[in-house]
Amino acid sequence: MSFESLGLCAELLSAIKSQGYTVPTPIQSEAIPVVFAGGDLLAGAQTGTGKTAAFALPIVQKLSENPPPNKRRRPRALVLVPTRELAAQVSEQMQNYGRRLSLRSTMIYGGVNIQAQIERLHRGIDIVVATPGRLLDHAARGTIKLKDVEFLVLDEADRMLDLGFIDEIKAVAEYLPAKRQTLLFSATYSNSIKQLADELLNQPKRVEVARRSITADEVSQVVYPVERNRKREMISHLIRNGQWTQVLVFARTRYSADKLTAELQFDGINTAAIHSNKSQSLRTRTLKQFKQGELRVLVATDVAARGLDIARLPHVVNYELPDVAEDYVHRIGRTGRAGEPGMSISLVCPAEQPKLQAIQKLLQATIPQESIAEFPKVAIKRGMVVKPRKKAISKPSPKKLAAKAKAAAPRTKKKSDKPKNVQKSTKSRTVAGRRAAANARQAAKTGRRG
């Protein structure tokens, strides 16, 4: 099957050709005809299979064929995404296709100045790519009108549910017209996805081109067992000896990402980090530098696991395994995209073995393990081999033994002939107390009780 057979117009065929694509992917072949037919769609496909083009191409063409009745441009297509990075990726493709057919698109997400977004919306927009939270801000302010939306796309819907956006998605749907075409794309099919589809979609056609959470065949996977305190040295060794020019490294926390970035920079490797503590402008600039080859290593947390689209990315490294097994699939899906080969390397310490077992259970396969001769199982610091110290065995001194025996011996109470000094009550220090004491002594002498 070719793109021409899908019914795409000449402008879009030219855009596809300029990107170097000649044959549609399975999800594109299945989804594009459904969108052209006008029905709702529930689509599942593994990451990196061309899902964005599967909904962007037919939506752009249908919008161009049916211009709005008035000259005022209002959003007629809305794409909801979970992260800022994914919003930038989808918006870039929408702009690439839309400008050839005189359509305007913009992206809306948090972490940046809202006023610039308001100005772009005021100039008139046909397509909006947004994260749910910031979109609701605009809707509450009245700076965006969604009553003319003809297409609603939920991209990476499973990730949005994982991030807790279910209420925001339903709130956005309240602003939309009931008569619309809804497309839901997800890498996995969970019960929550099915429930969401039942609420938002109307008799959708279901398309699934790959089994749940299975990695792309083009990605080669390998596990390197390593001690936790030697991971940084191993990744530095792999990058240097393998002469890797472009590496995406995933860390579990923001602190770990910053720490690893500083250590690799100390080793002379050009590295930068992106995570949720970085400003959006800095994250965008850093990602652009990485794509252009100005950075050798990009360290990211799972905030970027699904939002990065880097052409021909050769290597992905799991510096720390994710807590959720499904996130492993999305991480390594950054490489091996669009039929290109890729390599995924995981550095696994003994404490991470349960996480590795969960990942292999999800994949229903065992990931091959390899070792590196330069890394024996001893601690290494700054290139110096430090052998484990032997525990010193020393005999205690006789004095310590005698003191220990004395402390352990049972204590016996000694009877004393001398009566113990009993502290007199402070009560006798008062006038009433002295009178009571005198009466008690007098009673003792006479044998009577008062």
Protein backbone atom coordinates (compact mmCIF):
# COMPACT_ATOMS: atom_id res chain seq x y z
CA MET A 1 0.00 0.00 0.00
CA SER A 2 1.18 3.54 -0.80
CA PHE A 3 0.24 6.97 0.55
CA GLU A 4 -1.41 7.77 -2.80
CA SER A 5 -3.82 4.87 -2.33
CA LEU A 6 -4.99 6.34 1.00
CA GLY A 7 -6.56 9.31 -0.79
CA LEU A 8 -4.20 12.04 0.43
CA CYS A 9 -3.99 15.26 -1.56
CA ALA A 10 -0.93 16.35 -3.56
CA GLU A 11 0.20 18.92 -0.95
CA LEU A 12 0.33 16.32 1.81
CA LEU A 13 2.01 13.77 -0.44
CA SER A 14 4.70 16.34 -1.11
CA ALA A 15 5.13 16.95 2.62
CA ILE A 16 5.43 13.22 3.27
CA LYS A 17 7.98 12.82 0.51
CA SER A 18 10.09 15.67 1.89
CA GLN A 19 10.29 13.77 5.19
CA GLY A 20 11.66 10.71 3.43
CA TYR A 21 8.63 8.44 3.94
CA THR A 22 7.52 6.29 1.03
CA VAL A 23 5.32 3.56 2.55
CA PRO A 24 2.72 4.07 5.31
CA THR A 25 3.16 2.24 8.59
CA PRO A 26 0.53 -0.33 9.65
CA ILE A 27 -1.22 2.11 12.01
CA GLN A 28 -1.37 4.72 9.24
CA SER A 29 -2.78 2.24 6.74
CA GLU A 30 -5.49 1.20 9.20
CA ALA A 31 -6.36 4.54 10.82
CA ILE A 32 -6.34 7.04 7.93
CA PRO A 33 -9.27 5.44 6.04
CA VAL A 34 -11.31 5.33 9.26
CA VAL A 35 -10.75 9.06 9.87
CA PHE A 36 -11.67 9.89 6.29
CA ALA A 37 -14.88 7.85 6.70
CA GLY A 38 -15.91 10.07 9.61
CA GLY A 39 -16.21 7.51 12.41
CA ASP A 40 -14.73 7.47 15.89
CA LEU A 41 -11.52 5.51 16.34
CA LEU A 42 -9.95 3.56 19.19
CA ALA A 43 -6.40 2.80 18.06
CA GLY A 44 -3.62 0.92 19.78
CA ALA A 45 -0.05 0.73 18.54
CA GLN A 46 3.40 0.60 20.06
CA THR A 47 5.34 3.82 20.40
CA GLY A 48 7.34 5.01 17.41
CA THR A 49 5.00 3.57 14.76
CA GLY A 50 3.82 6.85 13.20
CA LYS A 51 0.66 7.45 15.23
CA THR A 52 0.92 11.24 14.90
CA ALA A 53 0.78 11.18 11.11
CA ALA A 54 -2.06 8.65 11.31
CA PHE A 55 -4.41 11.33 12.68
CA ALA A 56 -2.66 14.54 11.55
CA LEU A 57 -2.75 13.83 7.81
CA PRO A 58 -6.50 13.08 7.43
CA ILE A 59 -7.54 15.82 9.88
CA VAL A 60 -5.55 18.49 8.04
CA GLN A 61 -6.96 17.41 4.69
CA LYS A 62 -10.58 17.32 5.93
CA LEU A 63 -10.25 20.77 7.52
CA SER A 64 -8.91 22.22 4.26
CA GLU A 65 -11.74 20.68 2.26
CA ASN A 66 -14.39 22.15 4.59
CA PRO A 67 -13.45 25.77 5.39
CA PRO A 68 -15.41 27.55 8.15
CA PRO A 69 -18.54 29.45 7.06
CA ASN A 70 -17.27 32.74 8.50
CA LYS A 71 -13.85 34.30 8.18
CA ARG A 72 -13.25 34.17 11.92
CA ARG A 73 -10.80 31.35 12.67
CA ARG A 74 -11.65 29.28 15.72
CA PRO A 75 -10.20 25.92 16.77
CA ARG A 76 -11.77 23.15 14.74
CA ALA A 77 -9.35 20.40 15.78
CA LEU A 78 -8.11 19.75 19.32
CA VAL A 79 -5.31 17.34 20.23
CA LEU A 80 -4.81 16.57 23.93
CA VAL A 81 -1.40 15.25 25.01
CA PRO A 82 0.10 14.42 28.42
CA THR A 83 3.41 16.33 28.32
CA ARG A 84 4.91 19.55 26.99
CA GLU A 85 7.50 17.67 24.94
CA LEU A 86 4.83 15.62 23.20
CA ALA A 87 2.83 18.80 22.58
CA ALA A 88 5.84 20.34 20.84
CA GLN A 89 6.38 17.19 18.76
CA VAL A 90 2.75 16.90 17.61
CA SER A 91 2.46 20.64 16.98
CA GLU A 92 5.54 20.57 14.79
CA GLN A 93 4.00 17.90 12.56
CA MET A 94 0.67 19.71 12.47
CA GLN A 95 2.38 22.91 11.38
CA ASN A 96 4.39 21.06 8.74
CA TYR A 97 1.25 19.58 7.19
CA GLY A 98 -1.13 22.47 7.88
CA ARG A 99 0.87 25.33 6.38
CA ARG A 100 0.78 23.62 2.98
CA LEU A 101 -3.00 23.92 3.09
CA SER A 102 -3.14 27.40 4.70
CA LEU A 103 -4.11 26.12 8.13
CA ARG A 104 -2.84 27.62 11.37
CA SER A 105 -1.93 25.59 14.45
CA THR A 106 -0.51 26.36 17.86
CA MET A 107 0.44 24.56 21.07
CA ILE A 108 -0.78 25.35 24.57
CA TYR A 109 0.88 24.07 27.74
CA GLY A 110 1.85 25.25 31.19
CA GLY A 111 5.18 26.54 32.43
CA VAL A 112 5.32 29.45 29.98
CA ASN A 113 3.78 32.90 29.72
CA ILE A 114 0.05 32.57 29.08
CA GLN A 115 -0.21 36.02 27.49
CA ALA A 116 1.73 34.98 24.37
CA GLN A 117 -0.69 32.06 23.94
CA ILE A 118 -3.68 34.37 24.31
CA GLU A 119 -2.34 36.62 21.56
CA ARG A 120 -1.87 33.70 19.16
CA LEU A 121 -5.39 32.45 19.86
CA HIS A 122 -6.77 35.93 19.28
CA ARG A 123 -5.19 36.05 15.80
CA GLY A 124 -7.15 32.94 14.83
CA ILE A 125 -6.22 29.25 14.98
CA ASP A 126 -7.51 26.14 13.22
CA ILE A 127 -5.69 23.42 15.19
CA VAL A 128 -4.74 23.42 18.88
CA VAL A 129 -2.35 20.94 20.51
CA ALA A 130 -2.63 21.25 24.29
CA THR A 131 -2.07 19.73 27.69
CA PRO A 132 -5.34 19.48 29.65
CA GLY A 133 -4.47 21.77 32.57
CA ARG A 134 -3.46 24.87 30.61
CA LEU A 135 -6.31 24.37 28.13
CA LEU A 136 -8.81 24.50 30.99
CA ASP A 137 -7.17 27.73 32.18
CA HIS A 138 -7.85 29.30 28.78
CA ALA A 139 -11.39 27.94 28.68
CA ALA A 140 -12.14 29.39 32.13
CA ARG A 141 -10.72 32.77 31.08
CA GLY A 142 -12.75 32.73 27.89
CA THR A 143 -9.63 33.13 25.75
CA ILE A 144 -10.44 30.00 23.74
CA LYS A 145 -13.78 28.89 22.33
CA LEU A 146 -14.20 25.16 21.73
CA LYS A 147 -17.78 25.05 20.47
CA ASP A 148 -16.62 24.73 16.83
CA VAL A 149 -14.30 21.75 17.41
CA GLU A 150 -14.91 19.04 14.83
CA PHE A 151 -12.07 16.67 15.79
CA LEU A 152 -10.93 15.63 19.27
CA VAL A 153 -7.76 13.54 19.50
CA LEU A 154 -6.53 11.95 22.73
CA ASP A 155 -2.89 11.10 22.03
CA GLU A 156 -1.07 8.82 24.49
CA ALA A 157 -4.31 8.50 26.41
CA ASP A 158 -2.91 5.82 28.72
CA ARG A 159 -0.13 8.16 29.79
CA MET A 160 -2.63 10.93 30.52
CA LEU A 161 -4.55 8.56 32.78
CA ASP A 162 -1.31 7.51 34.49
CA LEU A 163 -0.61 11.17 35.25
CA GLY A 164 -4.07 11.65 36.73
CA PHE A 165 -5.66 13.71 33.94
CA ILE A 166 -8.93 11.79 33.84
CA ASP A 167 -10.94 14.58 35.51
CA GLU A 168 -9.35 17.25 33.30
CA ILE A 169 -10.16 15.26 30.14
CA LYS A 170 -13.80 14.98 31.17
CA ALA A 171 -13.88 18.69 32.02
CA VAL A 172 -12.53 19.57 28.55
CA ALA A 173 -15.18 17.36 26.95
CA GLU A 174 -17.85 19.51 28.61
CA TYR A 175 -16.72 22.50 26.49
CA LEU A 176 -16.91 20.52 23.22
CA PRO A 177 -19.93 20.01 20.97
CA ALA A 178 -21.63 16.64 21.19
CA LYS A 179 -21.38 16.21 17.43
CA ARG A 180 -17.69 15.65 16.75
CA GLN A 181 -15.26 12.97 15.62
CA THR A 182 -13.18 11.55 18.47
CA LEU A 183 -9.94 9.62 17.99
CA LEU A 184 -8.23 7.88 20.92
CA PHE A 185 -4.67 6.60 20.54
CA SER A 186 -3.03 4.53 23.25
CA ALA A 187 -0.02 2.26 23.54
CA THR A 188 -1.83 0.02 26.02
CA TYR A 189 -5.40 -1.15 26.58
CA SER A 190 -6.31 -1.08 30.26
CA ASN A 191 -9.71 -1.13 31.93
CA SER A 192 -9.50 2.63 32.51
CA ILE A 193 -8.85 3.20 28.78
CA LYS A 194 -11.87 1.09 27.88
CA GLN A 195 -14.00 3.04 30.36
CA LEU A 196 -12.82 6.37 28.96
CA ALA A 197 -13.52 5.20 25.42
CA ASP A 198 -17.05 4.18 26.43
CA GLU A 199 -17.70 7.68 27.80
CA LEU A 200 -16.20 9.78 24.98
CA LEU A 201 -16.41 7.68 21.81
CA ASN A 202 -19.50 6.77 19.80
CA GLN A 203 -19.39 3.23 18.40
CA PRO A 204 -15.67 3.47 17.60
CA LYS A 205 -13.83 1.31 15.14
CA ARG A 206 -11.07 -0.51 16.96
CA VAL A 207 -7.66 -0.77 15.33
CA GLU A 208 -4.74 -2.54 16.95
CA VAL A 209 -1.59 -3.26 15.00
CA ALA A 210 0.62 -4.59 17.78
CA ARG A 211 0.23 -6.53 21.00
CA ARG A 212 0.03 -4.67 24.29
CA SER A 213 3.27 -2.95 25.35
CA ILE A 214 5.59 -4.83 23.01
CA THR A 215 8.79 -3.09 21.97
CA ALA A 216 9.72 -2.43 18.36
CA ASP A 217 11.59 -5.23 16.61
CA GLU A 218 14.30 -2.81 15.49
CA VAL A 219 15.42 -2.19 19.09
CA SER A 220 18.21 -4.46 20.37
CA GLN A 221 18.13 -4.84 24.15
CA VAL A 222 20.87 -5.80 26.57
CA VAL A 223 21.33 -5.78 30.36
CA TYR A 224 24.66 -5.09 32.09
CA PRO A 225 24.72 -6.26 35.74
CA VAL A 226 26.66 -3.71 37.78
CA GLU A 227 27.00 -2.50 41.34
CA ARG A 228 25.04 0.66 42.10
CA ASN A 229 28.12 2.71 42.97
CA ARG A 230 29.77 1.81 39.66
CA LYS A 231 26.99 2.74 37.24
CA ARG A 232 28.44 6.14 36.46
CA GLU A 233 31.83 4.65 35.57
CA MET A 234 30.26 1.97 33.39
CA ILE A 235 28.14 4.41 31.38
CA SER A 236 31.16 6.66 30.93
CA HIS A 237 33.17 3.64 29.76
CA LEU A 238 30.46 2.59 27.29
CA ILE A 239 30.16 6.07 25.80
CA ARG A 240 33.92 6.53 25.42
CA ASN A 241 34.90 3.06 24.19
CA GLY A 242 31.86 2.72 21.97
CA GLN A 243 32.41 6.22 20.58
CA TRP A 244 28.74 6.97 20.97
CA THR A 245 27.86 10.35 19.54
CA GLN A 246 24.23 10.62 20.66
CA VAL A 247 22.86 8.97 23.81
CA LEU A 248 19.58 9.45 25.65
CA VAL A 249 19.91 8.38 29.30
CA PHE A 250 16.94 7.85 31.60
CA ALA A 251 17.24 8.42 35.34
CA ARG A 252 14.52 7.73 37.89
CA THR A 253 14.56 11.04 39.79
CA ARG A 254 15.44 14.67 39.13
CA TYR A 255 18.22 14.54 41.73
CA SER A 256 19.75 11.48 40.07
CA ALA A 257 19.55 13.14 36.64
CA ASP A 258 21.37 16.27 37.84
CA LYS A 259 23.97 14.23 39.74
CA LEU A 260 24.74 12.03 36.73
CA THR A 261 24.94 15.08 34.45
CA ALA A 262 27.54 16.69 36.71
CA GLU A 263 29.57 13.47 36.90
CA LEU A 264 29.61 12.93 33.13
CA GLN A 265 30.61 16.56 32.64
CA PHE A 266 33.47 15.93 35.10
CA ASP A 267 34.50 13.02 32.87
CA GLY A 268 34.70 15.39 29.91
CA ILE A 269 31.47 14.25 28.21
CA ASN A 270 29.19 17.03 26.94
CA THR A 271 25.96 16.38 28.87
CA ALA A 272 22.77 18.20 29.86
CA ALA A 273 19.59 17.23 31.73
CA ILE A 274 15.88 17.87 31.28
CA HIS A 275 13.19 17.24 33.89
CA SER A 276 10.18 18.91 35.46
CA ASN A 277 12.28 21.26 37.61
CA LYS A 278 13.76 22.87 34.49
CA SER A 279 11.91 25.76 32.88
CA GLN A 280 10.14 25.00 29.62
CA SER A 281 12.34 27.39 27.67
CA LEU A 282 15.47 25.67 29.00
CA ARG A 283 14.06 22.23 28.23
CA THR A 284 13.20 23.28 24.68
CA ARG A 285 16.64 24.80 24.13
CA THR A 286 18.42 21.75 25.57
CA LEU A 287 16.42 19.35 23.42
CA LYS A 288 17.17 21.42 20.32
CA GLN A 289 20.90 21.31 21.09
CA PHE A 290 20.72 17.54 21.50
CA LYS A 291 18.89 17.05 18.21
CA GLN A 292 21.43 19.24 16.41
CA GLY A 293 24.36 17.25 17.80
CA GLU A 294 25.69 19.98 20.08
CA LEU A 295 25.19 17.69 23.08
CA ARG A 296 26.54 14.16 23.25
CA VAL A 297 24.39 12.95 26.14
CA LEU A 298 20.91 14.00 27.25
CA VAL A 299 19.80 12.81 30.72
CA ALA A 300 16.04 12.78 31.23
CA THR A 301 13.43 11.58 33.68
CA ASP A 302 10.23 9.83 32.62
CA VAL A 303 8.67 13.22 31.91
CA ALA A 304 10.33 12.85 28.50
CA ALA A 305 9.75 9.14 27.98
CA ARG A 306 6.97 9.62 25.44
CA GLY A 307 7.42 13.20 24.35
CA LEU A 308 10.74 13.01 22.53
CA ASP A 309 10.97 12.39 18.82
CA ILE A 310 14.63 12.30 17.82
CA ALA A 311 15.36 11.12 14.31
CA ARG A 312 17.76 8.18 14.10
CA LEU A 313 18.60 8.13 17.81
CA PRO A 314 21.08 5.24 18.09
CA HIS A 315 21.30 4.61 21.85
CA VAL A 316 19.02 4.71 24.88
CA VAL A 317 20.41 3.86 28.33
CA ASN A 318 18.35 3.01 31.38
CA TYR A 319 20.70 4.30 34.05
CA GLU A 320 18.02 3.34 36.58
CA LEU A 321 15.09 1.07 35.84
CA PRO A 322 11.63 2.66 36.12
CA ASP A 323 9.25 1.81 38.93
CA VAL A 324 6.50 0.90 36.43
CA ALA A 325 7.36 -1.81 33.91
CA GLU A 326 5.32 -0.17 31.11
CA ASP A 327 7.56 2.92 31.31
CA TYR A 328 10.47 0.77 30.16
CA VAL A 329 8.67 0.18 26.86
CA HIS A 330 8.08 3.90 26.36
CA ARG A 331 11.67 4.77 27.25
CA ILE A 332 13.31 2.45 24.76
CA GLY A 333 10.70 3.45 22.18
CA ARG A 334 12.70 6.66 21.70
CA THR A 335 15.10 4.62 19.56
CA GLY A 336 14.32 2.26 16.70
CA ARG A 337 11.70 4.67 15.33
CA ALA A 338 10.36 4.64 11.76
CA GLY A 339 12.20 1.43 10.95
CA GLU A 340 15.63 2.69 12.04
CA PRO A 341 17.81 0.34 14.14
CA GLY A 342 18.42 1.20 17.79
CA MET A 343 20.12 -0.11 20.91
CA SER A 344 18.75 -0.14 24.47
CA ILE A 345 21.16 -0.71 27.36
CA SER A 346 20.05 -1.19 30.97
CA LEU A 347 22.45 -0.93 33.91
CA VAL A 348 20.96 -3.13 36.60
CA CYS A 349 22.22 -3.39 40.17
CA PRO A 350 21.21 -6.26 42.52
CA ALA A 351 18.50 -4.15 44.19
CA GLU A 352 16.80 -3.65 40.80
CA GLN A 353 16.41 -7.34 40.00
CA PRO A 354 12.68 -7.36 40.95
CA LYS A 355 12.07 -4.47 38.53
CA LEU A 356 13.95 -6.34 35.79
CA GLN A 357 11.83 -9.44 36.41
CA ALA A 358 8.66 -7.35 36.12
CA ILE A 359 9.84 -5.90 32.81
CA GLN A 360 10.69 -9.32 31.41
CA LYS A 361 7.31 -10.62 32.52
CA LEU A 362 5.63 -7.76 30.65
CA LEU A 363 7.70 -8.40 27.52
CA GLN A 364 7.22 -12.16 27.87
CA ALA A 365 10.89 -12.52 27.05
CA THR A 366 14.27 -12.60 28.75
CA ILE A 367 16.56 -9.68 27.98
CA PRO A 368 20.11 -10.88 27.16
CA GLN A 369 22.77 -10.10 29.75
CA GLU A 370 26.38 -9.22 29.02
CA SER A 371 29.39 -8.31 31.14
CA ILE A 372 32.43 -6.11 30.65
CA ALA A 373 35.85 -7.47 31.55
CA GLU A 374 37.07 -4.07 32.73
CA PHE A 375 34.52 -4.11 35.54
CA PRO A 376 35.30 -6.81 38.11
CA LYS A 377 33.06 -6.96 41.14
CA VAL A 378 35.06 -4.58 43.34
CA ALA A 379 34.48 -0.95 44.12
CA ILE A 380 36.22 1.55 41.85
CA LYS A 381 36.59 5.24 42.48
CA ARG A 382 38.07 7.68 39.95
CA GLY A 383 39.82 4.84 38.14
CA MET A 384 41.48 3.41 41.26
CA VAL A 385 40.75 -0.18 42.27
CA VAL A 386 39.82 -0.38 45.92
CA LYS A 387 39.78 -3.91 47.27
CA PRO A 388 37.32 -4.66 50.03
CA ARG A 389 38.89 -4.46 53.47
CA LYS A 390 39.21 -7.58 55.58
CA LYS A 391 37.51 -7.42 58.92
CA ALA A 392 40.18 -7.13 61.63
CA ILE A 393 40.08 -9.76 64.39
CA SER A 394 41.56 -8.54 67.70
CA LYS A 395 41.60 -10.16 71.15
CA PRO A 396 40.16 -8.03 73.95
CA SER A 397 42.46 -7.07 76.85
CA PRO A 398 42.22 -8.85 80.24
CA LYS A 399 40.88 -5.68 81.84
CA LYS A 400 38.01 -5.54 79.33
CA LEU A 401 37.24 -9.21 79.90
CA ALA A 402 37.15 -8.73 83.68
CA ALA A 403 34.91 -5.66 83.35
CA LYS A 404 32.61 -7.54 81.00
CA ALA A 405 32.36 -10.50 83.42
CA LYS A 406 31.67 -8.21 86.36
CA ALA A 407 28.90 -6.44 84.44
CA ALA A 408 27.34 -9.76 83.46
CA ALA A 409 27.39 -11.22 87.02
CA PRO A 410 24.02 -11.23 88.86
CA ARG A 411 23.69 -8.60 91.54
CA THR A 412 22.64 -9.60 95.14
CA LYS A 413 21.12 -7.29 97.70
CA LYS A 414 23.21 -6.81 100.84
CA LYS A 415 21.47 -6.54 104.19
CA SER A 416 22.78 -3.65 106.23
CA ASP A 417 22.64 -3.42 110.03
CA LYS A 418 22.42 0.30 109.90
CA PRO A 419 18.99 1.70 109.23
CA LYS A 420 18.72 3.71 106.09
CA ASN A 421 18.39 7.42 106.41
CA VAL A 422 14.85 8.24 105.58
CA GLN A 423 14.29 11.69 104.26
CA LYS A 424 11.95 13.59 106.50
CA SER A 425 8.79 14.80 104.92
CA THR A 426 8.61 18.45 104.10
CA LYS A 427 5.26 18.38 105.76
CA SER A 428 6.93 18.75 109.18
CA ARG A 429 8.42 22.01 108.10
CA THR A 430 5.03 23.72 108.27
CA VAL A 431 3.25 24.77 111.52
CA ALA A 432 0.48 22.22 111.01
CA GLY A 433 3.04 19.58 110.21
CA ARG A 434 4.99 20.20 113.39
CA ARG A 435 1.78 19.99 115.48
CA ALA A 436 0.82 16.70 113.84
CA ALA A 437 4.27 15.26 114.49
CA ALA A 438 4.12 16.28 118.17
CA ASN A 439 0.70 14.66 118.60
CA ALA A 440 2.00 11.47 117.01
CA ARG A 441 4.94 11.30 119.43
CA GLN A 442 2.64 11.94 122.42
CA ALA A 443 0.28 9.16 121.27
CA ALA A 444 3.17 6.77 120.98
CA LYS A 445 4.21 7.42 124.58
CA THR A 446 0.74 6.98 126.06
CA GLY A 447 -0.25 4.09 123.81
CA ARG A 448 -3.26 5.91 122.50
CA ARG A 449 -4.16 6.96 119.00
CA GLY A 450 -5.42 10.43 118.27
